[in-house]
Amino acid sequence: MTHAVATVYARIVDSTENTGRSLPELRAEIDEIDAAIVELLARRLDVCRDVAHVKQGSDASVIQPQRVREVLSSRRQWAINAGVDADFVEQLFRVLLIETHRIETAAGTSRPAPTKGAGGVERSPLDTVATAIDHVVVVVPDVDDASQLFATLGFSISPTEDAGVVIATAGGVMIALIAPDGDPAVAQHLETHGAGISRVVIEVLNTAYAQNELVRADPSLITDLHIDDDGHEQFLSVLDPVTGMQMGFISRTGHRVLLTGASVRGMFHAPFNA
């Protein structure tokens, strides 16, 4: 354990009480912890480079599914033991496994690694808060028929309280399938644009901030903010007449749960600001 990491560990053990500590002090400790996390990540990735070297001299495949399953299962249990959301920790390690795989495969290439600067990047409001694609909404004539392909590909199919909406998930990927089922708004979308992706939803750190900034640019392009009973906060951009697709924006203020049918369908009826 390096000195920086050991120092952070010692401080975490000693500071069981935050009473009386100022916000700058707490932020300074977060900065130290984050620096230690980056240092640990660097160590882990260095070991992964050694693993790649060993694999190159053997018949071992780059991707070993059983090892991936073992890593995800054990890290989930570690998270539960530590009182941390297991789904959140699994998501973190899936990202780390992607980087591990990239490093292992890049080790066999002759191209030099690109240089990347630190800081000094002017970020737009959306670039400041956007984190990842949260889910994709696909309009289909019939969810049962559409679910068959996803199930065959290995997605888990979860019905919702709405018979016309199902959620297909695999790892960190979520796709919402929606059929009209008597809903004129969805039926009109299907008639006008055909079956296919209708919405790509981006996870943002804070929907109110993102919405305010995008409304500032053009209020007619953004819907009102919709909050469902599970704490999913969402708003949309105007539907693109060329592609028939909308951009959605979401953050979660409740427990980590799948989308409901009402949440998916309700966004087809979200009013615009102007």
C-alpha atoms as a PDB file:
ATOM      1  CA  MET A   1       0.000   0.000   0.000  1.00  0.00           C
ATOM      2  CA  THR A   2       1.458   3.376  -0.999  1.00  0.00           C
ATOM      3  CA  HIS A   3       1.797   6.256   1.422  1.00  0.00           C
ATOM      4  CA  ALA A   4      -1.036   8.261  -0.204  1.00  0.00           C
ATOM      5  CA  VAL A   5      -3.491   5.371  -0.031  1.00  0.00           C
ATOM      6  CA  ALA A   6      -2.432   4.439   3.531  1.00  0.00           C
ATOM      7  CA  THR A   7      -2.925   8.050   4.637  1.00  0.00           C
ATOM      8  CA  VAL A   8      -6.465   8.120   3.255  1.00  0.00           C
ATOM      9  CA  TYR A   9      -7.312   4.771   4.850  1.00  0.00           C
ATOM     10  CA  ALA A  10      -6.046   6.002   8.211  1.00  0.00           C
ATOM     11  CA  ARG A  11      -8.084   9.179   7.940  1.00  0.00           C
ATOM     12  CA  ILE A  12     -11.245   7.232   7.095  1.00  0.00           C
ATOM     13  CA  VAL A  13     -10.756   5.019  10.137  1.00  0.00           C
ATOM     14  CA  ASP A  14     -10.067   7.983  12.437  1.00  0.00           C
ATOM     15  CA  SER A  15     -12.852  10.281  11.168  1.00  0.00           C
ATOM     16  CA  THR A  16     -15.971   8.371  12.164  1.00  0.00           C
ATOM     17  CA  GLU A  17     -17.601  11.615  13.286  1.00  0.00           C
ATOM     18  CA  ASN A  18     -18.065  14.561  10.888  1.00  0.00           C
ATOM     19  CA  THR A  19     -19.628  16.846  13.509  1.00  0.00           C
ATOM     20  CA  GLY A  20     -18.192  20.346  13.313  1.00  0.00           C
ATOM     21  CA  ARG A  21     -16.237  19.790  10.106  1.00  0.00           C
ATOM     22  CA  SER A  22     -16.641  22.459   7.454  1.00  0.00           C
ATOM     23  CA  LEU A  23     -17.666  21.900   3.844  1.00  0.00           C
ATOM     24  CA  PRO A  24     -14.165  22.816   2.545  1.00  0.00           C
ATOM     25  CA  GLU A  25     -12.640  20.259   4.947  1.00  0.00           C
ATOM     26  CA  LEU A  26     -15.014  17.542   3.799  1.00  0.00           C
ATOM     27  CA  ARG A  27     -14.356  18.376   0.152  1.00  0.00           C
ATOM     28  CA  ALA A  28     -10.620  18.259   0.774  1.00  0.00           C
ATOM     29  CA  GLU A  29     -11.017  14.760   2.201  1.00  0.00           C
ATOM     30  CA  ILE A  30     -13.071  13.716  -0.840  1.00  0.00           C
ATOM     31  CA  ASP A  31     -10.254  15.004  -3.059  1.00  0.00           C
ATOM     32  CA  GLU A  32      -7.748  12.899  -1.130  1.00  0.00           C
ATOM     33  CA  ILE A  33      -9.927   9.807  -1.376  1.00  0.00           C
ATOM     34  CA  ASP A  34     -10.404  10.348  -5.117  1.00  0.00           C
ATOM     35  CA  ALA A  35      -6.644  10.714  -5.589  1.00  0.00           C
ATOM     36  CA  ALA A  36      -6.168   7.417  -3.769  1.00  0.00           C
ATOM     37  CA  ILE A  37      -8.829   5.771  -5.952  1.00  0.00           C
ATOM     38  CA  VAL A  38      -6.997   6.928  -9.091  1.00  0.00           C
ATOM     39  CA  GLU A  39      -3.744   5.598  -7.668  1.00  0.00           C
ATOM     40  CA  LEU A  40      -5.364   2.224  -6.970  1.00  0.00           C
ATOM     41  CA  LEU A  41      -6.844   2.173 -10.467  1.00  0.00           C
ATOM     42  CA  ALA A  42      -3.382   2.805 -11.907  1.00  0.00           C
ATOM     43  CA  ARG A  43      -2.019  -0.140  -9.900  1.00  0.00           C
ATOM     44  CA  ARG A  44      -4.846  -2.393 -11.049  1.00  0.00           C
ATOM     45  CA  LEU A  45      -4.357  -1.486 -14.691  1.00  0.00           C
ATOM     46  CA  ASP A  46      -0.617  -2.080 -14.394  1.00  0.00           C
ATOM     47  CA  VAL A  47      -1.405  -5.612 -13.204  1.00  0.00           C
ATOM     48  CA  CYS A  48      -3.797  -5.997 -16.149  1.00  0.00           C
ATOM     49  CA  ARG A  49      -0.932  -5.147 -18.489  1.00  0.00           C
ATOM     50  CA  ASP A  50       1.071  -7.930 -16.866  1.00  0.00           C
ATOM     51  CA  VAL A  51      -1.886 -10.267 -17.335  1.00  0.00           C
ATOM     52  CA  ALA A  52      -2.011  -9.328 -21.024  1.00  0.00           C
ATOM     53  CA  HIS A  53       1.694 -10.145 -21.342  1.00  0.00           C
ATOM     54  CA  VAL A  54       1.171 -13.563 -19.725  1.00  0.00           C
ATOM     55  CA  LYS A  55      -1.814 -14.305 -21.970  1.00  0.00           C
ATOM     56  CA  GLN A  56       0.205 -13.446 -25.080  1.00  0.00           C
ATOM     57  CA  GLY A  57       2.618 -16.229 -24.197  1.00  0.00           C
ATOM     58  CA  SER A  58      -0.104 -18.797 -23.599  1.00  0.00           C
ATOM     59  CA  ASP A  59      -3.281 -20.087 -25.187  1.00  0.00           C
ATOM     60  CA  ALA A  60      -5.474 -18.129 -22.757  1.00  0.00           C
ATOM     61  CA  SER A  61      -8.211 -16.097 -24.443  1.00  0.00           C
ATOM     62  CA  VAL A  62      -8.445 -12.359 -23.850  1.00  0.00           C
ATOM     63  CA  ILE A  63     -12.030 -12.557 -22.602  1.00  0.00           C
ATOM     64  CA  GLN A  64     -12.830 -15.256 -20.048  1.00  0.00           C
ATOM     65  CA  PRO A  65     -16.576 -15.138 -19.264  1.00  0.00           C
ATOM     66  CA  GLN A  66     -16.347 -17.264 -16.114  1.00  0.00           C
ATOM     67  CA  ARG A  67     -13.770 -14.878 -14.636  1.00  0.00           C
ATOM     68  CA  VAL A  68     -16.015 -11.919 -15.497  1.00  0.00           C
ATOM     69  CA  ARG A  69     -18.948 -13.563 -13.719  1.00  0.00           C
ATOM     70  CA  GLU A  70     -16.791 -14.308 -10.679  1.00  0.00           C
ATOM     71  CA  VAL A  71     -15.534 -10.716 -10.518  1.00  0.00           C
ATOM     72  CA  LEU A  72     -19.024  -9.206 -10.774  1.00  0.00           C
ATOM     73  CA  SER A  73     -20.531 -11.628  -8.234  1.00  0.00           C
ATOM     74  CA  SER A  74     -17.775 -11.189  -5.653  1.00  0.00           C
ATOM     75  CA  ARG A  75     -17.717  -7.390  -5.994  1.00  0.00           C
ATOM     76  CA  ARG A  76     -21.484  -7.280  -5.549  1.00  0.00           C
ATOM     77  CA  GLN A  77     -21.087  -9.236  -2.313  1.00  0.00           C
ATOM     78  CA  TRP A  78     -18.292  -6.946  -1.159  1.00  0.00           C
ATOM     79  CA  ALA A  79     -20.603  -3.998  -1.806  1.00  0.00           C
ATOM     80  CA  ILE A  80     -23.424  -5.569   0.200  1.00  0.00           C
ATOM     81  CA  ASN A  81     -21.022  -6.264   3.067  1.00  0.00           C
ATOM     82  CA  ALA A  82     -19.872  -2.637   2.991  1.00  0.00           C
ATOM     83  CA  GLY A  83     -23.405  -1.225   2.847  1.00  0.00           C
ATOM     84  CA  VAL A  84     -23.023   0.077  -0.707  1.00  0.00           C
ATOM     85  CA  ASP A  85     -25.592  -0.388  -3.497  1.00  0.00           C
ATOM     86  CA  ALA A  86     -24.565  -3.607  -5.276  1.00  0.00           C
ATOM     87  CA  ASP A  87     -25.966  -2.477  -8.647  1.00  0.00           C
ATOM     88  CA  PHE A  88     -23.892   0.695  -8.454  1.00  0.00           C
ATOM     89  CA  VAL A  89     -20.708  -1.238  -7.676  1.00  0.00           C
ATOM     90  CA  GLU A  90     -21.415  -3.709 -10.478  1.00  0.00           C
ATOM     91  CA  GLN A  91     -21.794  -0.793 -12.881  1.00  0.00           C
ATOM     92  CA  LEU A  92     -18.429   0.589 -11.786  1.00  0.00           C
ATOM     93  CA  PHE A  93     -16.695  -2.736 -12.276  1.00  0.00           C
ATOM     94  CA  ARG A  94     -18.296  -3.266 -15.676  1.00  0.00           C
ATOM     95  CA  VAL A  95     -16.714   0.016 -16.772  1.00  0.00           C
ATOM     96  CA  LEU A  96     -13.411  -1.118 -15.277  1.00  0.00           C
ATOM     97  CA  LEU A  97     -13.634  -4.480 -17.068  1.00  0.00           C
ATOM     98  CA  ILE A  98     -14.210  -2.685 -20.374  1.00  0.00           C
ATOM     99  CA  GLU A  99     -11.020  -0.680 -19.811  1.00  0.00           C
ATOM    100  CA  THR A 100      -9.171  -3.838 -18.765  1.00  0.00           C
ATOM    101  CA  HIS A 101     -10.193  -5.581 -21.981  1.00  0.00           C
ATOM    102  CA  ARG A 102      -9.164  -2.534 -24.034  1.00  0.00           C
ATOM    103  CA  ILE A 103      -5.726  -2.509 -22.416  1.00  0.00           C
ATOM    104  CA  GLU A 104      -5.225  -6.235 -22.966  1.00  0.00           C
ATOM    105  CA  THR A 105      -6.120  -6.012 -26.652  1.00  0.00           C
ATOM    106  CA  ALA A 106      -4.239  -2.733 -27.201  1.00  0.00           C
ATOM    107  CA  ALA A 107      -1.084  -4.383 -25.858  1.00  0.00           C
ATOM    108  CA  GLY A 108      -0.769  -6.311 -29.112  1.00  0.00           C
ATOM    109  CA  THR A 109      -0.939  -3.250 -31.370  1.00  0.00           C
ATOM    110  CA  SER A 110       2.019  -1.250 -32.665  1.00  0.00           C
ATOM    111  CA  ARG A 111       0.271   2.113 -32.596  1.00  0.00           C
ATOM    112  CA  PRO A 112       1.474   4.544 -29.905  1.00  0.00           C
ATOM    113  CA  ALA A 113      -1.036   5.663 -27.312  1.00  0.00           C
ATOM    114  CA  PRO A 114      -2.481   9.143 -27.941  1.00  0.00           C
ATOM    115  CA  THR A 115      -1.607  11.960 -25.572  1.00  0.00           C
ATOM    116  CA  LYS A 116      -4.465  13.465 -23.615  1.00  0.00           C
ATOM    117  CA  GLY A 117      -4.346  16.822 -21.881  1.00  0.00           C
ATOM    118  CA  ALA A 118      -5.716  17.446 -18.397  1.00  0.00           C
ATOM    119  CA  GLY A 119      -8.089  20.286 -17.602  1.00  0.00           C
ATOM    120  CA  GLY A 120      -8.544  23.459 -19.589  1.00  0.00           C
ATOM    121  CA  VAL A 121     -11.456  21.976 -21.552  1.00  0.00           C
ATOM    122  CA  GLU A 122     -14.380  24.319 -22.024  1.00  0.00           C
ATOM    123  CA  ARG A 123     -17.464  22.265 -21.216  1.00  0.00           C
ATOM    124  CA  SER A 124     -21.016  23.016 -22.247  1.00  0.00           C
ATOM    125  CA  PRO A 125     -23.735  22.721 -19.565  1.00  0.00           C
ATOM    126  CA  LEU A 126     -24.817  19.354 -20.981  1.00  0.00           C
ATOM    127  CA  ASP A 127     -21.233  18.105 -21.205  1.00  0.00           C
ATOM    128  CA  THR A 128     -20.839  19.007 -17.534  1.00  0.00           C
ATOM    129  CA  VAL A 129     -23.686  16.767 -16.329  1.00  0.00           C
ATOM    130  CA  ALA A 130     -24.159  14.028 -18.977  1.00  0.00           C
ATOM    131  CA  THR A 131     -22.807  10.651 -17.817  1.00  0.00           C
ATOM    132  CA  ALA A 132     -24.025   7.854 -20.109  1.00  0.00           C
ATOM    133  CA  ILE A 133     -26.915   6.559 -22.191  1.00  0.00           C
ATOM    134  CA  ASP A 134     -29.419   5.399 -19.570  1.00  0.00           C
ATOM    135  CA  HIS A 135     -31.863   3.572 -21.826  1.00  0.00           C
ATOM    136  CA  VAL A 136     -33.358   3.491 -25.299  1.00  0.00           C
ATOM    137  CA  VAL A 137     -37.086   3.458 -26.079  1.00  0.00           C
ATOM    138  CA  VAL A 138     -38.208   1.420 -29.107  1.00  0.00           C
ATOM    139  CA  VAL A 139     -41.714   1.710 -30.536  1.00  0.00           C
ATOM    140  CA  VAL A 140     -43.065  -1.608 -31.850  1.00  0.00           C
ATOM    141  CA  PRO A 141     -46.428  -2.903 -33.096  1.00  0.00           C
ATOM    142  CA  ASP A 142     -46.485  -5.723 -30.522  1.00  0.00           C
ATOM    143  CA  VAL A 143     -44.240  -6.083 -27.468  1.00  0.00           C
ATOM    144  CA  ASP A 144     -44.581  -9.871 -27.293  1.00  0.00           C
ATOM    145  CA  ASP A 145     -43.295 -10.313 -30.830  1.00  0.00           C
ATOM    146  CA  ALA A 146     -40.547  -7.748 -30.314  1.00  0.00           C
ATOM    147  CA  SER A 147     -39.445  -9.352 -27.028  1.00  0.00           C
ATOM    148  CA  GLN A 148     -38.656 -12.665 -28.687  1.00  0.00           C
ATOM    149  CA  LEU A 149     -35.523 -11.396 -30.449  1.00  0.00           C
ATOM    150  CA  PHE A 150     -34.201  -9.681 -27.324  1.00  0.00           C
ATOM    151  CA  ALA A 151     -34.825 -12.798 -25.239  1.00  0.00           C
ATOM    152  CA  THR A 152     -33.007 -14.925 -27.810  1.00  0.00           C
ATOM    153  CA  LEU A 153     -30.037 -12.538 -27.665  1.00  0.00           C
ATOM    154  CA  GLY A 154     -29.846 -13.013 -23.894  1.00  0.00           C
ATOM    155  CA  PHE A 155     -31.789 -10.031 -22.566  1.00  0.00           C
ATOM    156  CA  SER A 156     -33.953 -10.467 -19.476  1.00  0.00           C
ATOM    157  CA  ILE A 157     -37.519  -9.457 -20.287  1.00  0.00           C
ATOM    158  CA  SER A 158     -39.403  -7.725 -17.460  1.00  0.00           C
ATOM    159  CA  PRO A 159     -43.107  -6.978 -17.903  1.00  0.00           C
ATOM    160  CA  THR A 160     -44.507  -3.778 -16.400  1.00  0.00           C
ATOM    161  CA  GLU A 161     -47.920  -2.832 -15.063  1.00  0.00           C
ATOM    162  CA  ASP A 162     -48.632  -1.598 -18.615  1.00  0.00           C
ATOM    163  CA  ALA A 163     -49.297  -4.577 -20.921  1.00  0.00           C
ATOM    164  CA  GLY A 164     -47.903  -2.537 -23.827  1.00  0.00           C
ATOM    165  CA  VAL A 165     -44.512  -1.860 -22.217  1.00  0.00           C
ATOM    166  CA  VAL A 166     -41.722  -4.309 -21.369  1.00  0.00           C
ATOM    167  CA  ILE A 167     -38.168  -3.637 -20.225  1.00  0.00           C
ATOM    168  CA  ALA A 168     -35.291  -5.645 -21.735  1.00  0.00           C
ATOM    169  CA  THR A 169     -32.056  -5.630 -19.734  1.00  0.00           C
ATOM    170  CA  ALA A 170     -28.616  -7.193 -20.124  1.00  0.00           C
ATOM    171  CA  GLY A 171     -25.756  -6.138 -17.863  1.00  0.00           C
ATOM    172  CA  GLY A 172     -25.811  -2.354 -17.836  1.00  0.00           C
ATOM    173  CA  VAL A 173     -27.973  -2.069 -20.981  1.00  0.00           C
ATOM    174  CA  MET A 174     -31.690  -1.216 -20.758  1.00  0.00           C
ATOM    175  CA  ILE A 175     -34.173  -1.054 -23.641  1.00  0.00           C
ATOM    176  CA  ALA A 176     -37.840  -0.161 -23.208  1.00  0.00           C
ATOM    177  CA  LEU A 177     -40.213  -1.667 -25.791  1.00  0.00           C
ATOM    178  CA  ILE A 178     -43.559   0.077 -26.166  1.00  0.00           C
ATOM    179  CA  ALA A 179     -46.594  -0.692 -28.327  1.00  0.00           C
ATOM    180  CA  PRO A 180     -49.602   1.610 -28.850  1.00  0.00           C
ATOM    181  CA  ASP A 181     -52.041  -0.604 -26.904  1.00  0.00           C
ATOM    182  CA  GLY A 182     -54.776   1.981 -27.405  1.00  0.00           C
ATOM    183  CA  ASP A 183     -52.513   5.011 -26.875  1.00  0.00           C
ATOM    184  CA  PRO A 184     -53.117   7.492 -29.746  1.00  0.00           C
ATOM    185  CA  ALA A 185     -49.784   9.290 -29.222  1.00  0.00           C
ATOM    186  CA  VAL A 186     -47.746   6.095 -29.586  1.00  0.00           C
ATOM    187  CA  ALA A 187     -49.974   4.922 -32.451  1.00  0.00           C
ATOM    188  CA  GLN A 188     -49.380   8.211 -34.284  1.00  0.00           C
ATOM    189  CA  HIS A 189     -45.623   7.878 -33.800  1.00  0.00           C
ATOM    190  CA  LEU A 190     -45.707   4.337 -35.151  1.00  0.00           C
ATOM    191  CA  GLU A 191     -47.798   5.378 -38.173  1.00  0.00           C
ATOM    192  CA  THR A 192     -45.621   8.393 -38.970  1.00  0.00           C
ATOM    193  CA  HIS A 193     -42.141   7.054 -38.301  1.00  0.00           C
ATOM    194  CA  GLY A 194     -42.550   3.294 -38.256  1.00  0.00           C
ATOM    195  CA  ALA A 195     -41.171   0.834 -35.730  1.00  0.00           C
ATOM    196  CA  GLY A 196     -37.758   1.568 -34.284  1.00  0.00           C
ATOM    197  CA  ILE A 197     -35.869   3.757 -31.825  1.00  0.00           C
ATOM    198  CA  SER A 198     -37.973   6.720 -30.754  1.00  0.00           C
ATOM    199  CA  ARG A 199     -35.951   7.983 -27.822  1.00  0.00           C
ATOM    200  CA  VAL A 200     -32.347   7.891 -26.603  1.00  0.00           C
ATOM    201  CA  VAL A 201     -32.267   8.842 -22.926  1.00  0.00           C
ATOM    202  CA  ILE A 202     -29.096  10.315 -21.411  1.00  0.00           C
ATOM    203  CA  GLU A 203     -28.411  10.032 -17.689  1.00  0.00           C
ATOM    204  CA  VAL A 204     -27.489  13.412 -16.196  1.00  0.00           C
ATOM    205  CA  LEU A 205     -26.247  14.372 -12.752  1.00  0.00           C
ATOM    206  CA  ASN A 206     -29.072  16.842 -12.231  1.00  0.00           C
ATOM    207  CA  THR A 207     -32.137  17.180 -14.456  1.00  0.00           C
ATOM    208  CA  ALA A 208     -33.191  20.586 -13.122  1.00  0.00           C
ATOM    209  CA  TYR A 209     -29.817  22.099 -14.017  1.00  0.00           C
ATOM    210  CA  ALA A 210     -29.770  20.440 -17.441  1.00  0.00           C
ATOM    211  CA  GLN A 211     -33.336  21.482 -18.202  1.00  0.00           C
ATOM    212  CA  ASN A 212     -32.779  25.094 -17.110  1.00  0.00           C
ATOM    213  CA  GLU A 213     -29.692  25.413 -19.289  1.00  0.00           C
ATOM    214  CA  LEU A 214     -31.367  23.879 -22.350  1.00  0.00           C
ATOM    215  CA  VAL A 215     -34.495  25.996 -21.841  1.00  0.00           C
ATOM    216  CA  ARG A 216     -32.200  29.018 -21.755  1.00  0.00           C
ATOM    217  CA  ALA A 217     -31.002  28.073 -25.245  1.00  0.00           C
ATOM    218  CA  ASP A 218     -34.515  27.549 -26.667  1.00  0.00           C
ATOM    219  CA  PRO A 219     -37.556  26.872 -24.442  1.00  0.00           C
ATOM    220  CA  SER A 220     -39.621  25.518 -27.360  1.00  0.00           C
ATOM    221  CA  LEU A 221     -37.249  22.552 -27.710  1.00  0.00           C
ATOM    222  CA  ILE A 222     -37.689  21.169 -24.191  1.00  0.00           C
ATOM    223  CA  THR A 223     -40.605  19.500 -22.358  1.00  0.00           C
ATOM    224  CA  ASP A 224     -41.613  20.090 -18.786  1.00  0.00           C
ATOM    225  CA  LEU A 225     -39.903  18.019 -16.100  1.00  0.00           C
ATOM    226  CA  HIS A 226     -41.739  14.780 -15.301  1.00  0.00           C
ATOM    227  CA  ILE A 227     -41.149  12.965 -11.986  1.00  0.00           C
ATOM    228  CA  ASP A 228     -42.641   9.529 -11.410  1.00  0.00           C
ATOM    229  CA  ASP A 229     -43.393   7.809  -8.097  1.00  0.00           C
ATOM    230  CA  ASP A 230     -40.031   5.989  -8.140  1.00  0.00           C
ATOM    231  CA  GLY A 231     -37.989   9.175  -8.389  1.00  0.00           C
ATOM    232  CA  HIS A 232     -37.147   9.080 -12.091  1.00  0.00           C
ATOM    233  CA  GLU A 233     -36.843  12.717 -13.201  1.00  0.00           C
ATOM    234  CA  GLN A 234     -37.116  13.092 -16.973  1.00  0.00           C
ATOM    235  CA  PHE A 235     -37.569  15.645 -19.723  1.00  0.00           C
ATOM    236  CA  LEU A 236     -37.299  15.461 -23.508  1.00  0.00           C
ATOM    237  CA  SER A 237     -36.121  17.465 -26.460  1.00  0.00           C
ATOM    238  CA  VAL A 238     -38.470  18.124 -29.358  1.00  0.00           C
ATOM    239  CA  LEU A 239     -38.970  15.228 -31.767  1.00  0.00           C
ATOM    240  CA  ASP A 240     -36.642  15.483 -34.760  1.00  0.00           C
ATOM    241  CA  PRO A 241     -38.843  15.473 -37.882  1.00  0.00           C
ATOM    242  CA  VAL A 242     -36.050  13.922 -39.951  1.00  0.00           C
ATOM    243  CA  THR A 243     -35.288  10.892 -37.783  1.00  0.00           C
ATOM    244  CA  GLY A 244     -38.461  10.685 -35.721  1.00  0.00           C
ATOM    245  CA  MET A 245     -36.289  10.490 -32.608  1.00  0.00           C
ATOM    246  CA  GLN A 246     -36.157  12.453 -29.376  1.00  0.00           C
ATOM    247  CA  MET A 247     -33.372  12.948 -26.871  1.00  0.00           C
ATOM    248  CA  GLY A 248     -34.385  12.231 -23.299  1.00  0.00           C
ATOM    249  CA  PHE A 249     -32.643  13.262 -20.076  1.00  0.00           C
ATOM    250  CA  ILE A 250     -33.014  11.424 -16.779  1.00  0.00           C
ATOM    251  CA  SER A 251     -31.679  11.337 -13.239  1.00  0.00           C
ATOM    252  CA  ARG A 252     -32.707   9.133 -10.343  1.00  0.00           C
ATOM    253  CA  THR A 253     -33.617  10.570  -6.964  1.00  0.00           C
ATOM    254  CA  GLY A 254     -35.204   7.372  -5.633  1.00  0.00           C
ATOM    255  CA  HIS A 255     -34.146   3.745  -5.327  1.00  0.00           C
ATOM    256  CA  ARG A 256     -32.421   2.016  -8.238  1.00  0.00           C
ATOM    257  CA  VAL A 257     -35.395   0.347  -9.939  1.00  0.00           C
ATOM    258  CA  LEU A 258     -36.472  -0.392 -13.500  1.00  0.00           C
ATOM    259  CA  LEU A 259     -38.681   2.052 -15.343  1.00  0.00           C
ATOM    260  CA  THR A 260     -42.414   1.556 -15.026  1.00  0.00           C
ATOM    261  CA  GLY A 261     -44.785   1.353 -17.978  1.00  0.00           C
ATOM    262  CA  ALA A 262     -46.426   4.584 -16.841  1.00  0.00           C
ATOM    263  CA  SER A 263     -43.072   6.358 -16.865  1.00  0.00           C
ATOM    264  CA  VAL A 264     -42.189   5.181 -20.386  1.00  0.00           C
ATOM    265  CA  ARG A 265     -45.626   5.881 -21.825  1.00  0.00           C
ATOM    266  CA  GLY A 266     -46.118   9.131 -19.939  1.00  0.00           C
ATOM    267  CA  MET A 267     -43.169  10.752 -21.715  1.00  0.00           C
ATOM    268  CA  PHE A 268     -45.070  10.480 -25.016  1.00  0.00           C
ATOM    269  CA  HIS A 269     -47.505  12.971 -23.494  1.00  0.00           C
ATOM    270  CA  ALA A 270     -45.041  15.341 -21.760  1.00  0.00           C
ATOM    271  CA  PRO A 271     -45.972  18.987 -22.491  1.00  0.00           C
ATOM    272  CA  PHE A 272     -43.452  21.467 -23.864  1.00  0.00           C
ATOM    273  CA  ASN A 273     -42.520  24.711 -22.178  1.00  0.00           C
ATOM    274  CA  ALA A 274     -43.583  26.823 -25.145  1.00  0.00           C
END
